[in-house]
Protein backbone atom coordinates (compact mmCIF):
# COMPACT_ATOMS: atom_id res chain seq x y z
CA UNK A 1 54.26 64.24 31.21
CA UNK A 2 52.60 64.58 28.15
CA UNK A 3 52.68 68.11 27.20
CA UNK A 4 50.95 68.08 23.72
CA UNK A 5 48.34 66.03 21.30
CA UNK A 6 51.20 64.15 19.58
CA UNK A 7 52.35 62.85 23.00
CA UNK A 8 48.99 61.81 23.99
CA UNK A 9 48.21 59.63 20.65
CA UNK A 10 51.95 58.52 21.17
CA UNK A 11 53.21 58.49 24.76
CA UNK A 12 49.77 57.02 26.42
CA UNK A 13 48.30 54.21 26.46
CA UNK A 14 44.63 52.95 28.83
CA UNK A 15 44.62 48.94 29.18
CA UNK A 16 41.89 47.40 30.91
CA UNK A 17 42.73 44.41 33.44
CA UNK A 18 39.93 42.04 32.70
CA UNK A 19 40.28 41.35 29.82
CA UNK A 20 44.23 41.85 29.37
CA UNK A 21 46.12 40.12 26.94
CA UNK A 22 49.71 39.25 27.99
CA UNK A 23 51.64 40.28 24.94
CA UNK A 24 49.91 43.20 24.58
CA UNK A 25 50.77 43.76 28.09
CA UNK A 26 54.59 42.84 27.82
CA UNK A 27 54.22 45.07 24.73
CA UNK A 28 52.71 48.23 26.04
CA UNK A 29 55.28 48.08 29.63
CA UNK A 30 58.57 48.57 27.11
CA UNK A 31 57.71 50.35 24.53
CA UNK A 32 59.36 53.78 24.23
CA UNK A 33 58.23 56.77 24.21
CA UNK A 34 58.14 58.53 20.74
CA UNK A 35 57.53 62.02 22.01
CA UNK A 36 57.79 62.99 25.88
CA UNK A 37 60.15 62.01 28.30
CA UNK A 38 58.16 59.39 29.42
CA UNK A 39 55.71 56.59 28.28
CA UNK A 40 52.19 57.07 30.57
CA UNK A 41 50.32 53.49 30.91
CA UNK A 42 47.21 53.43 33.02
CA UNK A 43 46.06 50.06 33.84
CA UNK A 44 42.00 50.08 35.02
CA UNK A 45 41.27 47.09 37.29
CA UNK A 46 44.53 46.68 38.22
CA UNK A 47 43.11 44.44 40.56
CA UNK A 48 42.14 42.33 38.14
CA UNK A 49 45.10 41.91 36.56
CA UNK A 50 45.41 37.31 35.24
CA UNK A 51 48.23 35.70 37.34
CA UNK A 52 50.54 35.86 34.62
CA UNK A 53 49.52 39.63 34.24
CA UNK A 54 50.30 40.45 37.46
CA UNK A 55 53.84 38.01 36.96
CA UNK A 56 54.75 40.33 34.28
CA UNK A 57 54.18 43.51 35.77
CA UNK A 58 55.98 42.04 38.14
CA UNK A 59 59.29 41.74 36.28
CA UNK A 60 58.95 44.97 34.32
CA UNK A 61 58.91 46.63 38.03
CA UNK A 62 62.39 45.40 38.72
CA UNK A 63 64.06 45.34 35.50
CA UNK A 64 64.50 49.17 36.56
CA UNK A 65 63.01 50.13 33.27
CA UNK A 66 62.97 54.70 33.56
CA UNK A 67 61.18 54.86 30.54
CA UNK A 68 57.40 54.48 31.63
CA UNK A 69 55.03 55.66 34.46
CA UNK A 70 52.94 53.13 35.28
CA UNK A 71 49.38 53.96 37.04
CA UNK A 72 47.26 51.48 38.80
CA UNK A 73 43.68 51.81 39.20
CA UNK A 74 41.99 49.55 41.33
CA UNK A 75 38.02 49.50 42.27
CA UNK A 76 36.84 47.94 44.78
CA UNK A 77 32.94 47.03 45.73
CA UNK A 78 32.07 49.15 48.54
CA UNK A 79 29.00 49.46 51.18
CA UNK A 80 25.78 47.36 51.89
CA UNK A 81 24.71 49.76 48.54
CA UNK A 82 26.94 47.97 46.63
CA UNK A 83 28.68 52.05 45.38
CA UNK A 84 31.83 51.45 43.60
CA UNK A 85 34.72 53.66 45.90
CA UNK A 86 38.01 53.83 44.73
CA UNK A 87 40.54 51.42 46.55
CA UNK A 88 43.09 52.22 48.81
CA UNK A 89 45.29 51.44 45.58
CA UNK A 90 43.75 53.88 43.40
CA UNK A 91 46.10 55.95 43.64
CA UNK A 92 49.24 53.98 43.23
CA UNK A 93 51.47 55.89 41.15
CA UNK A 94 54.81 53.95 39.92
CA UNK A 95 57.51 55.70 38.65
CA UNK A 96 59.74 53.18 36.99
């Protein structure tokens, strides 16, 4: 999706689910791509989104927008050693 440096600067955004402001999240989801055909949005710690942001994500998914690829990255605590491992949704890829 991101073919050159200008596309990476303009059409890619990485957000963190823990401290994500709902207005910032909504703006990131509805922003149109500037250079590429699609906009790539990575949501780190998507499993930590608060209820308001989860609702915003569901509304976005239901709306049928075709301008964005949203990658939800989730990490879960695993095992007795406390090592972090990517959870079963780590590769959740929602192309809308």
